Amino acid sequence: MALKDYNEKRRFDETSEPKGKTRKSKDKLIFVIQRHAASRLHYDFRLEMEGVLKSWAVPKGPSLNPNDKRLAMMVEDHPYDYKDFEGNIPEGNYGAGQVEIWDSGTYEPLDETSKLSDEKELLKELKAGSLKFILHGKKLKGEFALVKMKNAENNAWLLIKHKDTFAEEKYDAEENTAKNSLVTQFLEEKKSLKSSKKKS
């Protein structure tokens, strides 16, 4: 079962994360990017396939600059309902910290000539280790690729923006974060707690 690892890592009596169940979108496939302040700040990039969210942790966050090849570590599948998850994962739990949705929308494969359904085409590309897709998000738009790194760890991929009308020369995901971000607030509180501990 695709969500076995997800369920085994979580204590649902302590965390408000959704339980692992498969579900599908009625119409177009969805994607979501969550900004996650865990032991380290990173971005979780999730693509809907087979009723789950295929997931990658992107330490530096996604970029609209085609020259930025972002490391993306593939992690366990997450349930479809995780697309709406925001909030705090309590200390002592897997991925403890603050989570917020940074971007979301729909996506589709780049290959228009494929005779397969969108989902089957994407699954085929995922298996081959080279996914090419178009994101229709609020922040991320246009063509992207996820490419599995050869001779690296099995779960190491690169997230790359294609050169198109949505490409930007310089891009920093952190600069495109809401001013009232709870994750930023969480990080600042953590920082001031650390410095006050040092002083005492």
N, C-alpha and C. Protein backbone atom coordinates (compact mmCIF):
# COMPACT_ATOMS: atom_id res chain seq x y z
N MET A 1 0.84 -1.21 0.00
CA MET A 1 0.00 0.00 0.00
C MET A 1 0.88 1.26 0.00
N ALA A 2 0.55 2.16 -0.88
CA ALA A 2 1.38 3.35 -1.10
C ALA A 2 1.55 4.21 0.16
N LEU A 3 0.56 4.21 1.04
CA LEU A 3 0.61 5.13 2.19
C LEU A 3 1.10 4.46 3.48
N LYS A 4 1.57 3.23 3.35
CA LYS A 4 2.03 2.47 4.53
C LYS A 4 3.12 3.22 5.30
N ASP A 5 4.14 3.71 4.59
CA ASP A 5 5.24 4.43 5.25
C ASP A 5 4.74 5.70 5.94
N TYR A 6 3.85 6.40 5.25
CA TYR A 6 3.29 7.64 5.81
C TYR A 6 2.58 7.34 7.13
N ASN A 7 1.72 6.33 7.13
CA ASN A 7 0.95 5.99 8.33
C ASN A 7 1.84 5.50 9.47
N GLU A 8 2.86 4.74 9.12
CA GLU A 8 3.74 4.18 10.15
C GLU A 8 4.56 5.26 10.86
N LYS A 9 4.83 6.34 10.15
CA LYS A 9 5.68 7.41 10.73
C LYS A 9 4.91 8.38 11.62
N ARG A 10 3.58 8.27 11.62
CA ARG A 10 2.79 9.29 12.33
C ARG A 10 1.94 8.74 13.48
N ARG A 11 1.81 9.59 14.52
CA ARG A 11 0.93 9.25 15.65
C ARG A 11 -0.29 10.16 15.54
N PHE A 12 -1.36 9.64 15.01
CA PHE A 12 -2.51 10.48 14.69
C PHE A 12 -3.29 10.97 15.92
N ASP A 13 -2.98 10.40 17.08
CA ASP A 13 -3.61 10.92 18.31
C ASP A 13 -2.88 12.19 18.78
N GLU A 14 -1.73 12.47 18.16
CA GLU A 14 -0.95 13.66 18.55
C GLU A 14 -0.90 14.73 17.45
N THR A 15 -0.91 14.30 16.20
CA THR A 15 -0.78 15.26 15.10
C THR A 15 -2.12 15.44 14.38
N SER A 16 -2.35 16.64 13.87
CA SER A 16 -3.61 16.90 13.15
C SER A 16 -3.48 16.61 11.65
N GLU A 17 -2.35 16.00 11.26
CA GLU A 17 -2.18 15.63 9.84
C GLU A 17 -3.25 14.62 9.45
N PRO A 18 -3.69 14.65 8.18
CA PRO A 18 -4.74 13.71 7.77
C PRO A 18 -4.26 12.26 7.72
N LYS A 19 -5.16 11.34 8.02
CA LYS A 19 -4.82 9.92 7.95
C LYS A 19 -4.66 9.51 6.49
N GLY A 20 -3.83 8.50 6.30
CA GLY A 20 -3.51 8.08 4.93
C GLY A 20 -4.62 7.33 4.22
N LYS A 21 -5.32 8.06 3.37
CA LYS A 21 -6.37 7.44 2.53
C LYS A 21 -6.17 7.92 1.11
N THR A 22 -6.48 7.06 0.14
CA THR A 22 -6.35 7.49 -1.26
C THR A 22 -7.66 8.16 -1.71
N ARG A 23 -7.49 9.21 -2.50
CA ARG A 23 -8.63 9.93 -3.08
C ARG A 23 -8.15 10.58 -4.35
N LYS A 24 -9.08 10.92 -5.23
CA LYS A 24 -8.65 11.54 -6.48
C LYS A 24 -9.43 12.81 -6.77
N SER A 25 -8.80 13.70 -7.53
CA SER A 25 -9.50 14.90 -7.99
C SER A 25 -10.54 14.49 -9.02
N LYS A 26 -11.63 15.23 -9.06
CA LYS A 26 -12.69 14.92 -10.03
C LYS A 26 -12.27 15.29 -11.45
N ASP A 27 -11.53 16.39 -11.54
CA ASP A 27 -11.23 16.91 -12.86
C ASP A 27 -9.74 16.83 -13.16
N LYS A 28 -9.04 17.93 -12.98
CA LYS A 28 -7.60 17.95 -13.29
C LYS A 28 -6.78 17.51 -12.08
N LEU A 29 -5.60 16.99 -12.36
CA LEU A 29 -4.68 16.61 -11.28
C LEU A 29 -4.18 17.86 -10.55
N ILE A 30 -3.98 17.72 -9.25
CA ILE A 30 -3.56 18.90 -8.47
C ILE A 30 -2.10 18.78 -8.03
N PHE A 31 -1.51 19.94 -7.71
CA PHE A 31 -0.20 19.95 -7.07
C PHE A 31 -0.29 20.92 -5.89
N VAL A 32 0.60 20.72 -4.92
CA VAL A 32 0.68 21.66 -3.80
C VAL A 32 2.14 21.75 -3.35
N ILE A 33 2.53 22.94 -2.90
CA ILE A 33 3.86 23.12 -2.33
C ILE A 33 3.67 23.68 -0.93
N GLN A 34 4.19 22.94 0.04
CA GLN A 34 4.08 23.36 1.43
C GLN A 34 5.45 23.82 1.95
N ARG A 35 5.45 24.96 2.62
CA ARG A 35 6.67 25.48 3.24
C ARG A 35 6.68 24.90 4.65
N HIS A 36 7.76 24.25 5.00
CA HIS A 36 7.77 23.42 6.21
C HIS A 36 9.02 23.72 7.05
N ALA A 37 8.80 24.33 8.21
CA ALA A 37 9.90 24.57 9.15
C ALA A 37 9.98 23.38 10.08
N ALA A 38 10.79 22.40 9.71
CA ALA A 38 11.01 21.23 10.57
C ALA A 38 12.39 21.44 11.22
N SER A 39 13.22 20.38 11.33
CA SER A 39 14.56 20.61 11.87
C SER A 39 15.29 21.60 10.98
N ARG A 40 14.97 21.57 9.68
CA ARG A 40 15.46 22.60 8.75
C ARG A 40 14.30 23.08 7.90
N LEU A 41 14.35 24.33 7.49
CA LEU A 41 13.30 24.86 6.61
C LEU A 41 13.46 24.24 5.23
N HIS A 42 12.37 23.75 4.66
CA HIS A 42 12.39 23.24 3.29
C HIS A 42 11.00 23.38 2.69
N TYR A 43 10.89 23.06 1.43
CA TYR A 43 9.60 23.11 0.73
C TYR A 43 9.23 21.69 0.30
N ASP A 44 7.99 21.30 0.55
CA ASP A 44 7.51 19.98 0.13
C ASP A 44 6.72 20.12 -1.17
N PHE A 45 7.23 19.51 -2.21
CA PHE A 45 6.63 19.61 -3.54
C PHE A 45 5.83 18.34 -3.78
N ARG A 46 4.52 18.48 -4.02
CA ARG A 46 3.66 17.29 -4.10
C ARG A 46 2.82 17.28 -5.39
N LEU A 47 2.84 16.14 -6.06
CA LEU A 47 2.07 15.97 -7.30
C LEU A 47 1.09 14.82 -7.14
N GLU A 48 -0.17 15.08 -7.47
CA GLU A 48 -1.19 14.02 -7.37
C GLU A 48 -1.00 12.97 -8.46
N MET A 49 -0.93 11.71 -8.03
CA MET A 49 -0.91 10.55 -8.94
C MET A 49 -1.46 9.35 -8.20
N GLU A 50 -2.28 8.57 -8.83
CA GLU A 50 -2.81 7.33 -8.24
C GLU A 50 -3.48 7.53 -6.89
N GLY A 51 -4.16 8.66 -6.72
CA GLY A 51 -4.92 8.89 -5.50
C GLY A 51 -4.08 9.31 -4.30
N VAL A 52 -2.77 9.52 -4.53
CA VAL A 52 -1.89 10.00 -3.45
C VAL A 52 -1.11 11.21 -3.96
N LEU A 53 -0.32 11.81 -3.07
CA LEU A 53 0.56 12.91 -3.48
C LEU A 53 1.99 12.40 -3.47
N LYS A 54 2.56 12.24 -4.66
CA LYS A 54 3.98 11.89 -4.77
C LYS A 54 4.74 13.11 -4.25
N SER A 55 5.73 12.89 -3.39
CA SER A 55 6.31 14.02 -2.65
C SER A 55 7.83 14.08 -2.70
N TRP A 56 8.31 15.32 -2.79
CA TRP A 56 9.75 15.60 -2.78
C TRP A 56 10.03 16.74 -1.81
N ALA A 57 11.09 16.63 -1.04
CA ALA A 57 11.51 17.73 -0.17
C ALA A 57 12.57 18.53 -0.92
N VAL A 58 12.30 19.84 -1.08
CA VAL A 58 13.20 20.72 -1.84
C VAL A 58 13.82 21.70 -0.85
N PRO A 59 15.09 21.47 -0.43
CA PRO A 59 15.68 22.31 0.62
C PRO A 59 15.68 23.81 0.31
N LYS A 60 16.01 24.19 -0.91
CA LYS A 60 16.10 25.62 -1.22
C LYS A 60 14.81 26.20 -1.78
N GLY A 61 13.80 25.37 -1.95
CA GLY A 61 12.55 25.86 -2.51
C GLY A 61 12.60 25.90 -4.03
N PRO A 62 11.43 25.86 -4.68
CA PRO A 62 11.40 25.88 -6.14
C PRO A 62 11.84 27.23 -6.69
N SER A 63 12.21 27.25 -7.97
CA SER A 63 12.66 28.49 -8.59
C SER A 63 12.09 28.63 -10.00
N LEU A 64 11.90 29.87 -10.41
CA LEU A 64 11.46 30.14 -11.79
C LEU A 64 12.66 30.46 -12.69
N ASN A 65 13.86 30.33 -12.13
CA ASN A 65 15.07 30.55 -12.91
C ASN A 65 15.57 29.22 -13.47
N PRO A 66 15.59 29.07 -14.82
CA PRO A 66 16.02 27.80 -15.42
C PRO A 66 17.45 27.38 -15.06
N ASN A 67 18.27 28.34 -14.61
CA ASN A 67 19.65 27.98 -14.22
C ASN A 67 19.73 27.36 -12.84
N ASP A 68 18.67 27.49 -12.05
CA ASP A 68 18.66 26.89 -10.71
C ASP A 68 18.20 25.44 -10.79
N LYS A 69 19.10 24.55 -10.59
CA LYS A 69 18.71 23.13 -10.57
C LYS A 69 18.57 22.74 -9.10
N ARG A 70 17.34 22.68 -8.66
CA ARG A 70 17.08 22.46 -7.23
C ARG A 70 17.06 20.98 -6.86
N LEU A 71 17.85 20.63 -5.84
CA LEU A 71 17.82 19.27 -5.33
C LEU A 71 16.44 18.98 -4.75
N ALA A 72 15.87 17.82 -5.11
CA ALA A 72 14.55 17.42 -4.61
C ALA A 72 14.65 15.96 -4.16
N MET A 73 14.54 15.75 -2.86
CA MET A 73 14.66 14.38 -2.33
C MET A 73 13.27 13.74 -2.24
N MET A 74 13.10 12.63 -2.95
CA MET A 74 11.79 11.97 -2.93
C MET A 74 11.55 11.34 -1.57
N VAL A 75 10.37 11.61 -1.01
CA VAL A 75 10.00 11.06 0.30
C VAL A 75 8.75 10.18 0.13
N GLU A 76 8.22 9.71 1.24
CA GLU A 76 7.07 8.81 1.16
C GLU A 76 5.84 9.52 0.57
N ASP A 77 4.97 8.73 -0.08
CA ASP A 77 3.70 9.28 -0.59
C ASP A 77 2.90 9.86 0.57
N HIS A 78 2.19 10.94 0.30
CA HIS A 78 1.30 11.54 1.28
C HIS A 78 -0.15 11.40 0.80
N PRO A 79 -1.11 11.37 1.73
CA PRO A 79 -2.51 11.23 1.30
C PRO A 79 -2.99 12.47 0.55
N TYR A 80 -3.95 12.27 -0.32
CA TYR A 80 -4.52 13.35 -1.13
C TYR A 80 -4.97 14.54 -0.26
N ASP A 81 -5.57 14.23 0.91
CA ASP A 81 -6.09 15.29 1.79
C ASP A 81 -4.99 16.16 2.39
N TYR A 82 -3.74 15.73 2.24
CA TYR A 82 -2.63 16.53 2.76
C TYR A 82 -2.51 17.85 2.00
N LYS A 83 -3.15 17.92 0.85
CA LYS A 83 -3.09 19.14 0.01
C LYS A 83 -3.62 20.36 0.77
N ASP A 84 -4.47 20.15 1.76
CA ASP A 84 -5.05 21.27 2.52
C ASP A 84 -4.39 21.47 3.88
N PHE A 85 -3.39 20.64 4.18
CA PHE A 85 -2.84 20.68 5.55
C PHE A 85 -1.96 21.91 5.80
N GLU A 86 -2.31 22.62 6.87
CA GLU A 86 -1.48 23.70 7.40
C GLU A 86 -1.56 23.60 8.91
N GLY A 87 -0.50 23.98 9.60
CA GLY A 87 -0.57 23.95 11.06
C GLY A 87 0.71 23.44 11.67
N ASN A 88 0.61 23.09 12.95
CA ASN A 88 1.80 22.70 13.70
C ASN A 88 1.82 21.19 13.94
N ILE A 89 2.97 20.59 13.65
CA ILE A 89 3.19 19.17 13.97
C ILE A 89 3.94 19.18 15.30
N PRO A 90 3.34 18.63 16.36
CA PRO A 90 3.94 18.76 17.70
C PRO A 90 5.33 18.13 17.83
N GLU A 91 6.11 18.72 18.76
CA GLU A 91 7.44 18.19 19.09
C GLU A 91 7.36 16.70 19.36
N GLY A 92 8.39 15.98 18.97
CA GLY A 92 8.43 14.54 19.23
C GLY A 92 7.77 13.72 18.13
N ASN A 93 7.10 14.41 17.19
CA ASN A 93 6.48 13.73 16.07
C ASN A 93 7.33 13.89 14.82
N TYR A 94 7.14 12.96 13.88
CA TYR A 94 7.88 13.00 12.62
C TYR A 94 7.58 14.33 11.89
N GLY A 95 8.64 15.03 11.49
CA GLY A 95 8.45 16.30 10.76
C GLY A 95 7.95 17.43 11.64
N ALA A 96 8.21 17.34 12.96
CA ALA A 96 7.73 18.36 13.91
C ALA A 96 8.10 19.77 13.45
N GLY A 97 7.14 20.67 13.56
CA GLY A 97 7.35 22.06 13.15
C GLY A 97 6.10 22.66 12.54
N GLN A 98 6.27 23.75 11.84
CA GLN A 98 5.13 24.49 11.28
C GLN A 98 5.04 24.28 9.77
N VAL A 99 3.81 24.12 9.28
CA VAL A 99 3.58 23.88 7.84
C VAL A 99 2.56 24.88 7.31
N GLU A 100 2.84 25.42 6.12
CA GLU A 100 1.85 26.27 5.45
C GLU A 100 1.87 26.00 3.96
N ILE A 101 0.75 26.28 3.31
CA ILE A 101 0.69 26.11 1.85
C ILE A 101 1.34 27.33 1.21
N TRP A 102 2.34 27.07 0.38
CA TRP A 102 3.07 28.15 -0.29
C TRP A 102 2.50 28.40 -1.70
N ASP A 103 2.09 27.32 -2.36
CA ASP A 103 1.46 27.45 -3.67
C ASP A 103 0.65 26.19 -3.95
N SER A 104 -0.35 26.34 -4.81
CA SER A 104 -1.16 25.17 -5.20
C SER A 104 -1.84 25.47 -6.52
N GLY A 105 -2.33 24.42 -7.15
CA GLY A 105 -3.02 24.59 -8.44
C GLY A 105 -3.18 23.24 -9.12
N THR A 106 -3.27 23.27 -10.43
CA THR A 106 -3.39 22.02 -11.18
C THR A 106 -2.13 21.86 -12.05
N TYR A 107 -1.97 20.64 -12.55
CA TYR A 107 -0.82 20.40 -13.43
C TYR A 107 -1.17 19.33 -14.45
N GLU A 108 -0.36 19.26 -15.50
CA GLU A 108 -0.60 18.29 -16.58
C GLU A 108 0.74 17.93 -17.23
N PRO A 109 0.80 16.77 -17.90
CA PRO A 109 2.07 16.42 -18.56
C PRO A 109 2.35 17.36 -19.73
N LEU A 110 3.61 17.54 -20.01
CA LEU A 110 4.02 18.41 -21.11
C LEU A 110 3.77 17.74 -22.47
N ASP A 111 3.91 16.42 -22.49
CA ASP A 111 3.78 15.66 -23.74
C ASP A 111 2.32 15.63 -24.21
N GLU A 112 2.04 16.37 -25.25
CA GLU A 112 0.67 16.42 -25.78
C GLU A 112 0.40 15.32 -26.80
N THR A 113 1.48 14.64 -27.23
CA THR A 113 1.31 13.62 -28.28
C THR A 113 0.99 12.25 -27.69
N SER A 114 1.16 12.12 -26.36
CA SER A 114 0.94 10.81 -25.72
C SER A 114 -0.51 10.35 -25.89
N LYS A 115 -0.64 9.07 -26.15
CA LYS A 115 -1.99 8.48 -26.29
C LYS A 115 -2.53 8.03 -24.93
N LEU A 116 -1.68 8.12 -23.92
CA LEU A 116 -2.09 7.71 -22.57
C LEU A 116 -2.86 8.84 -21.90
N SER A 117 -3.59 8.50 -20.84
CA SER A 117 -4.25 9.56 -20.05
C SER A 117 -3.16 10.36 -19.36
N ASP A 118 -3.48 11.57 -18.91
CA ASP A 118 -2.49 12.42 -18.25
C ASP A 118 -1.79 11.67 -17.12
N GLU A 119 -2.60 11.02 -16.30
CA GLU A 119 -2.04 10.34 -15.13
C GLU A 119 -1.12 9.19 -15.52
N LYS A 120 -1.55 8.41 -16.52
CA LYS A 120 -0.73 7.26 -16.96
C LYS A 120 0.58 7.74 -17.57
N GLU A 121 0.51 8.83 -18.32
CA GLU A 121 1.72 9.40 -18.92
C GLU A 121 2.70 9.84 -17.82
N LEU A 122 2.16 10.53 -16.81
CA LEU A 122 3.01 11.01 -15.70
C LEU A 122 3.61 9.84 -14.91
N LEU A 123 2.84 8.79 -14.70
CA LEU A 123 3.34 7.62 -13.98
C LEU A 123 4.45 6.93 -14.77
N LYS A 124 4.28 6.89 -16.08
CA LYS A 124 5.29 6.29 -16.96
C LYS A 124 6.60 7.09 -16.86
N GLU A 125 6.47 8.43 -16.88
CA GLU A 125 7.65 9.30 -16.80
C GLU A 125 8.31 9.22 -15.42
N LEU A 126 7.47 9.10 -14.40
CA LEU A 126 7.99 8.98 -13.03
C LEU A 126 8.86 7.73 -12.92
N LYS A 127 8.35 6.63 -13.47
CA LYS A 127 9.06 5.35 -13.44
C LYS A 127 10.38 5.46 -14.23
N ALA A 128 10.34 6.23 -15.31
CA ALA A 128 11.54 6.39 -16.15
C ALA A 128 12.54 7.37 -15.52
N GLY A 129 12.10 8.10 -14.49
CA GLY A 129 13.00 9.03 -13.80
C GLY A 129 13.15 10.38 -14.49
N SER A 130 12.16 10.73 -15.32
CA SER A 130 12.20 12.04 -15.98
C SER A 130 10.77 12.52 -16.23
N LEU A 131 10.31 13.41 -15.35
CA LEU A 131 8.94 13.93 -15.42
C LEU A 131 8.95 15.32 -16.03
N LYS A 132 8.13 15.55 -17.04
CA LYS A 132 8.01 16.90 -17.61
C LYS A 132 6.54 17.31 -17.55
N PHE A 133 6.29 18.49 -16.95
CA PHE A 133 4.90 18.87 -16.71
C PHE A 133 4.73 20.39 -16.74
N ILE A 134 3.46 20.80 -16.81
CA ILE A 134 3.12 22.23 -16.78
C ILE A 134 2.35 22.50 -15.50
N LEU A 135 2.83 23.49 -14.74
CA LEU A 135 2.15 23.87 -13.50
C LEU A 135 1.25 25.08 -13.75
N HIS A 136 0.05 25.01 -13.20
CA HIS A 136 -0.88 26.15 -13.25
C HIS A 136 -1.13 26.57 -11.80
N GLY A 137 -0.13 27.24 -11.22
CA GLY A 137 -0.24 27.66 -9.82
C GLY A 137 -0.43 29.15 -9.72
N LYS A 138 -0.45 29.65 -8.50
CA LYS A 138 -0.54 31.10 -8.29
C LYS A 138 0.85 31.71 -8.42
N LYS A 139 1.87 30.97 -7.96
CA LYS A 139 3.25 31.46 -8.02
C LYS A 139 4.05 30.75 -9.11
N LEU A 140 3.90 29.45 -9.15
CA LEU A 140 4.64 28.68 -10.15
C LEU A 140 3.77 28.39 -11.36
N LYS A 141 4.26 28.83 -12.51
CA LYS A 141 3.52 28.62 -13.76
C LYS A 141 4.48 28.15 -14.84
N GLY A 142 3.93 27.43 -15.79
CA GLY A 142 4.74 27.03 -16.94
C GLY A 142 5.37 25.66 -16.80
N GLU A 143 6.37 25.43 -17.64
CA GLU A 143 6.97 24.10 -17.79
C GLU A 143 8.09 23.84 -16.77
N PHE A 144 8.04 22.64 -16.21
CA PHE A 144 9.06 22.18 -15.26
C PHE A 144 9.45 20.75 -15.57
N ALA A 145 10.59 20.34 -15.02
CA ALA A 145 11.00 18.94 -15.11
C ALA A 145 11.51 18.48 -13.75
N LEU A 146 11.25 17.22 -13.45
CA LEU A 146 11.83 16.55 -12.29
C LEU A 146 12.66 15.41 -12.85
N VAL A 147 13.96 15.47 -12.63
CA VAL A 147 14.85 14.48 -13.23
C VAL A 147 15.61 13.74 -12.15
N LYS A 148 15.55 12.41 -12.22
CA LYS A 148 16.24 11.59 -11.22
C LYS A 148 17.75 11.66 -11.49
N MET A 149 18.51 11.90 -10.44
CA MET A 149 19.97 11.98 -10.60
C MET A 149 20.58 10.59 -10.74
N LYS A 150 21.41 10.46 -11.74
CA LYS A 150 22.09 9.17 -11.96
C LYS A 150 23.26 9.06 -10.98
N ASN A 151 23.55 7.84 -10.59
CA ASN A 151 24.67 7.54 -9.68
C ASN A 151 24.57 8.24 -8.33
N ALA A 152 23.41 8.85 -8.05
CA ALA A 152 23.24 9.46 -6.72
C ALA A 152 22.34 8.53 -5.91
N GLU A 153 21.96 9.00 -4.73
CA GLU A 153 21.02 8.19 -3.94
C GLU A 153 19.76 7.97 -4.76
N ASN A 154 19.10 6.87 -4.52
CA ASN A 154 17.89 6.52 -5.28
C ASN A 154 16.83 7.61 -5.29
N ASN A 155 16.76 8.34 -4.17
CA ASN A 155 15.65 9.30 -4.06
C ASN A 155 16.05 10.74 -4.40
N ALA A 156 17.26 10.93 -4.95
CA ALA A 156 17.70 12.29 -5.29
C ALA A 156 17.30 12.68 -6.71
N TRP A 157 16.54 13.77 -6.81
CA TRP A 157 16.08 14.28 -8.09
C TRP A 157 16.49 15.75 -8.21
N LEU A 158 16.30 16.31 -9.40
CA LEU A 158 16.49 17.75 -9.60
C LEU A 158 15.19 18.34 -10.13
N LEU A 159 14.78 19.46 -9.54
CA LEU A 159 13.60 20.19 -10.00
C LEU A 159 14.10 21.38 -10.83
N ILE A 160 13.72 21.38 -12.12
CA ILE A 160 14.26 22.39 -13.04
C ILE A 160 13.14 23.11 -13.79
N LYS A 161 13.26 24.43 -13.87
CA LYS A 161 12.30 25.24 -14.64
C LYS A 161 12.76 25.27 -16.10
N HIS A 162 11.84 25.07 -17.02
CA HIS A 162 12.16 25.19 -18.44
C HIS A 162 12.17 26.67 -18.84
N LYS A 163 12.88 26.97 -19.90
CA LYS A 163 12.87 28.34 -20.42
C LYS A 163 11.55 28.54 -21.16
N ASP A 164 10.70 29.40 -20.61
CA ASP A 164 9.43 29.74 -21.26
C ASP A 164 9.06 31.16 -20.83
N THR A 165 7.85 31.60 -21.16
CA THR A 165 7.47 32.99 -20.85
C THR A 165 7.36 33.25 -19.35
N PHE A 166 7.27 32.20 -18.54
CA PHE A 166 7.15 32.38 -17.09
C PHE A 166 8.51 32.34 -16.38
N ALA A 167 9.56 32.04 -17.11
CA ALA A 167 10.90 31.96 -16.50
C ALA A 167 11.35 33.34 -16.04
N GLU A 168 12.09 33.36 -14.92
CA GLU A 168 12.64 34.62 -14.40
C GLU A 168 14.13 34.45 -14.16
N GLU A 169 14.86 35.58 -14.35
CA GLU A 169 16.32 35.50 -14.22
C GLU A 169 16.75 35.23 -12.78
N LYS A 170 16.12 35.93 -11.84
CA LYS A 170 16.46 35.71 -10.43
C LYS A 170 15.17 35.36 -9.69
N TYR A 171 15.27 34.36 -8.85
CA TYR A 171 14.06 33.97 -8.11
C TYR A 171 14.46 33.35 -6.78
N ASP A 172 13.81 33.80 -5.73
CA ASP A 172 14.03 33.24 -4.39
C ASP A 172 12.66 32.97 -3.78
N ALA A 173 12.38 31.70 -3.54
CA ALA A 173 11.07 31.31 -2.98
C ALA A 173 10.77 32.05 -1.68
N GLU A 174 11.81 32.27 -0.86
CA GLU A 174 11.63 32.94 0.42
C GLU A 174 11.13 34.38 0.26
N GLU A 175 11.54 35.02 -0.83
CA GLU A 175 11.10 36.40 -1.08
C GLU A 175 9.65 36.44 -1.59
N ASN A 176 9.12 35.28 -1.93
CA ASN A 176 7.75 35.21 -2.43
C ASN A 176 6.83 34.52 -1.42
N THR A 177 7.12 34.80 -0.16
CA THR A 177 6.34 34.23 0.94
C THR A 177 5.50 35.34 1.58
N ALA A 178 4.31 34.99 1.99
CA ALA A 178 3.40 35.99 2.59
C ALA A 178 4.05 36.68 3.79
N LYS A 179 3.78 38.00 3.91
CA LYS A 179 4.38 38.78 5.01
C LYS A 179 3.91 38.29 6.38
N ASN A 180 2.66 37.81 6.44
CA ASN A 180 2.11 37.35 7.73
C ASN A 180 2.28 35.84 7.92
N SER A 181 3.29 35.27 7.26
CA SER A 181 3.53 33.82 7.29
C SER A 181 3.73 33.29 8.71
N LEU A 182 2.97 32.24 9.05
CA LEU A 182 3.09 31.62 10.37
C LEU A 182 4.38 30.82 10.48
N VAL A 183 4.87 30.33 9.34
CA VAL A 183 6.13 29.59 9.33
C VAL A 183 7.28 30.54 9.66
N THR A 184 7.26 31.73 9.05
CA THR A 184 8.29 32.74 9.33
C THR A 184 8.25 33.14 10.81
N GLN A 185 7.04 33.34 11.30
CA GLN A 185 6.83 33.68 12.72
C GLN A 185 7.41 32.58 13.63
N PHE A 186 7.12 31.34 13.26
CA PHE A 186 7.60 30.16 14.00
C PHE A 186 9.13 30.14 14.03
N LEU A 187 9.75 30.42 12.87
CA LEU A 187 11.21 30.43 12.76
C LEU A 187 11.83 31.55 13.61
N GLU A 188 11.16 32.71 13.60
CA GLU A 188 11.66 33.85 14.38
C GLU A 188 11.58 33.57 15.88
N GLU A 189 10.48 32.93 16.29
CA GLU A 189 10.31 32.59 17.71
C GLU A 189 11.37 31.58 18.14
N LYS A 190 11.64 30.63 17.26
CA LYS A 190 12.63 29.58 17.52
C LYS A 190 14.03 30.23 17.69
N LYS A 191 14.31 31.19 16.81
CA LYS A 191 15.59 31.90 16.81
C LYS A 191 15.77 32.71 18.11
N SER A 192 14.72 33.45 18.49
CA SER A 192 14.83 34.28 19.70
C SER A 192 14.91 33.41 20.96
N LEU A 193 14.28 32.25 20.92
CA LEU A 193 14.34 31.31 22.04
C LEU A 193 15.78 30.78 22.19
N LYS A 194 16.39 30.49 21.05
CA LYS A 194 17.79 30.00 21.03
C LYS A 194 18.73 31.05 21.60
N SER A 195 18.58 32.31 21.15
CA SER A 195 19.49 33.35 21.60
C SER A 195 19.27 33.70 23.08
N SER A 196 18.02 33.62 23.54
CA SER A 196 17.78 33.89 24.98
C SER A 196 18.35 32.76 25.85
N LYS A 197 18.34 31.53 25.31
CA LYS A 197 18.94 30.39 26.03
C LYS A 197 20.45 30.58 26.15
N LYS A 198 21.05 31.08 25.05
CA LYS A 198 22.50 31.31 25.02
C LYS A 198 22.89 32.37 26.06
N LYS A 199 22.06 33.42 26.15
CA LYS A 199 22.34 34.51 27.09
C LYS A 199 22.25 34.06 28.53
N SER A 200 21.27 33.17 28.79
CA SER A 200 21.11 32.70 30.17
C SER A 200 22.11 31.59 30.43
